[in-house]
C-alpha atoms as a PDB file:
ATOM      1  CA  MET A   1     164.702  68.828 261.891  1.00  0.00           C
ATOM      2  CA  PHE A   2     161.391  67.024 263.421  1.00  0.00           C
ATOM      3  CA  LYS A   3     162.853  66.732 266.556  1.00  0.00           C
ATOM      4  CA  PHE A   4     164.258  70.285 266.865  1.00  0.00           C
ATOM      5  CA  THR A   5     160.697  71.678 266.010  1.00  0.00           C
ATOM      6  CA  LYS A   6     159.213  69.035 268.871  1.00  0.00           C
ATOM      7  CA  SER A   7     161.695  70.283 271.732  1.00  0.00           C
ATOM      8  CA  PHE A   8     160.946  73.277 271.060  1.00  0.00           C
ATOM      9  CA  LEU A   9     156.921  73.568 270.510  1.00  0.00           C
ATOM     10  CA  VAL A  10     157.526  71.748 273.797  1.00  0.00           C
ATOM     11  CA  GLU A  11     159.528  73.821 275.709  1.00  0.00           C
ATOM     12  CA  ARG A  12     158.643  77.182 274.648  1.00  0.00           C
ATOM     13  CA  THR A  13     154.893  76.910 274.749  1.00  0.00           C
ATOM     14  CA  SER A  14     152.520  76.385 277.646  1.00  0.00           C
ATOM     15  CA  HIS A  15     150.055  74.441 275.088  1.00  0.00           C
ATOM     16  CA  PRO A  16     152.285  73.117 271.974  1.00  0.00           C
ATOM     17  CA  ILE A  17     149.167  70.812 270.680  1.00  0.00           C
ATOM     18  CA  LEU A  18     147.628  74.489 269.931  1.00  0.00           C
ATOM     19  CA  VAL A  19     149.989  76.452 268.841  1.00  0.00           C
ATOM     20  CA  SER A  20     150.707  72.823 266.548  1.00  0.00           C
ATOM     21  CA  LEU A  21     147.422  73.844 265.118  1.00  0.00           C
ATOM     22  CA  PHE A  22     148.148  77.545 264.716  1.00  0.00           C
ATOM     23  CA  LEU A  23     151.003  76.680 262.572  1.00  0.00           C
ATOM     24  CA  ILE A  24     148.862  74.356 260.456  1.00  0.00           C
ATOM     25  CA  ALA A  25     146.752  76.419 259.976  1.00  0.00           C
ATOM     26  CA  ALA A  26     149.438  79.229 258.825  1.00  0.00           C
ATOM     27  CA  VAL A  27     150.418  76.023 256.037  1.00  0.00           C
ATOM     28  CA  PHE A  28     147.329  75.716 254.893  1.00  0.00           C
ATOM     29  CA  THR A  29     146.648  79.168 254.378  1.00  0.00           C
ATOM     30  CA  ALA A  30     149.965  79.527 252.428  1.00  0.00           C
ATOM     31  CA  ALA A  31     149.346  75.748 249.944  1.00  0.00           C
ATOM     32  CA  GLY A  32     145.900  77.943 249.336  1.00  0.00           C
ATOM     33  CA  PHE A  33     147.670  80.882 248.056  1.00  0.00           C
ATOM     34  CA  ALA A  34     150.261  79.474 246.303  1.00  0.00           C
ATOM     35  CA  VAL A  35     147.591  76.676 244.495  1.00  0.00           C
ATOM     36  CA  GLU A  36     145.728  79.926 243.988  1.00  0.00           C
ATOM     37  CA  GLU A  37     148.376  81.027 242.290  1.00  0.00           C
ATOM     38  CA  THR A  38     150.386  79.128 239.981  1.00  0.00           C
ATOM     39  CA  VAL A  39     147.220  76.799 239.349  1.00  0.00           C
ATOM     40  CA  GLY A  40     143.969  79.535 239.234  1.00  0.00           C
ATOM     41  CA  ASN A  41     141.963  76.831 240.441  1.00  0.00           C
ATOM     42  CA  GLY A  42     139.696  78.900 243.186  1.00  0.00           C
ATOM     43  CA  GLY A  43     137.282  75.685 244.357  1.00  0.00           C
ATOM     44  CA  ALA A  44     140.980  74.405 245.248  1.00  0.00           C
ATOM     45  CA  SER A  45     142.185  76.780 247.483  1.00  0.00           C
ATOM     46  CA  ALA A  46     139.053  77.579 249.389  1.00  0.00           C
ATOM     47  CA  PHE A  47     139.391  73.901 249.986  1.00  0.00           C
ATOM     48  CA  LEU A  48     142.212  74.396 251.733  1.00  0.00           C
ATOM     49  CA  VAL A  49     141.768  77.647 253.254  1.00  0.00           C
ATOM     50  CA  VAL A  50     138.412  76.338 254.964  1.00  0.00           C
ATOM     51  CA  TYR A  51     141.238  73.290 256.702  1.00  0.00           C
ATOM     52  CA  ALA A  52     143.213  76.546 257.805  1.00  0.00           C
ATOM     53  CA  ILE A  53     139.985  77.996 259.495  1.00  0.00           C
ATOM     54  CA  MET A  54     138.536  75.225 261.146  1.00  0.00           C
ATOM     55  CA  ALA A  55     142.191  75.068 262.691  1.00  0.00           C
ATOM     56  CA  VAL A  56     142.475  78.079 264.283  1.00  0.00           C
ATOM     57  CA  PHE A  57     138.773  78.271 265.042  1.00  0.00           C
ATOM     58  CA  LEU A  58     139.879  74.855 267.059  1.00  0.00           C
ATOM     59  CA  SER A  59     142.733  76.234 268.392  1.00  0.00           C
ATOM     60  CA  LEU A  60     141.088  79.430 269.580  1.00  0.00           C
ATOM     61  CA  THR A  61     137.839  77.088 271.343  1.00  0.00           C
ATOM     62  CA  GLY A  62     140.830  75.740 273.021  1.00  0.00           C
ATOM     63  CA  TYR A  63     142.607  78.789 274.312  1.00  0.00           C
ATOM     64  CA  VAL A  64     139.315  80.466 275.523  1.00  0.00           C
ATOM     65  CA  MET A  65     138.631  77.330 276.976  1.00  0.00           C
ATOM     66  CA  ILE A  66     141.434  77.666 279.055  1.00  0.00           C
ATOM     67  CA  ALA A  67     141.026  81.008 279.803  1.00  0.00           C
ATOM     68  CA  LEU A  68     137.698  80.403 281.495  1.00  0.00           C
ATOM     69  CA  GLY A  69     138.720  77.280 283.193  1.00  0.00           C
ATOM     70  CA  LYS A  70     141.407  79.941 285.320  1.00  0.00           C
ATOM     71  CA  VAL A  71     138.726  81.897 285.735  1.00  0.00           C
ATOM     72  CA  VAL A  72     136.152  79.788 287.088  1.00  0.00           C
ATOM     73  CA  THR A  73     138.929  78.676 289.156  1.00  0.00           C
ATOM     74  CA  ARG A  74     139.976  81.888 289.871  1.00  0.00           C
ATOM     75  CA  PHE A  75     136.382  82.486 291.164  1.00  0.00           C
ATOM     76  CA  ARG A  76     135.960  79.504 293.374  1.00  0.00           C
ATOM     77  CA  ARG A  77     138.936  80.347 295.429  1.00  0.00           C
ATOM     78  CA  GLN A  78     137.717  84.150 296.272  1.00  0.00           C
ATOM     79  CA  VAL A  79     134.385  82.485 297.079  1.00  0.00           C
ATOM     80  CA  GLY A  80     136.108  80.015 299.462  1.00  0.00           C
ATOM     81  CA  LEU A  81     134.344  76.562 297.583  1.00  0.00           C
ATOM     82  CA  PRO A  82     136.181  73.511 297.425  1.00  0.00           C
ATOM     83  CA  PHE A  83     137.632  72.456 294.133  1.00  0.00           C
END
């Protein structure tokens, strides 16, 4: 199962680590909701959801940095600056 997931992420996505962070965030969110529904402990579920929010923030930060890098590269090519 791990080999399939790894090959799927590497072959079908351009940034597998960032996609993995989104998947981790989804797992933490689902676990947080499951803990809230089964145990009723809001503190434990909030703890898991905070980790999910951090994972999404890190992934979005990575995607923003990639997008900014592409914009800067395009701008430098238009202006004619060397790399």
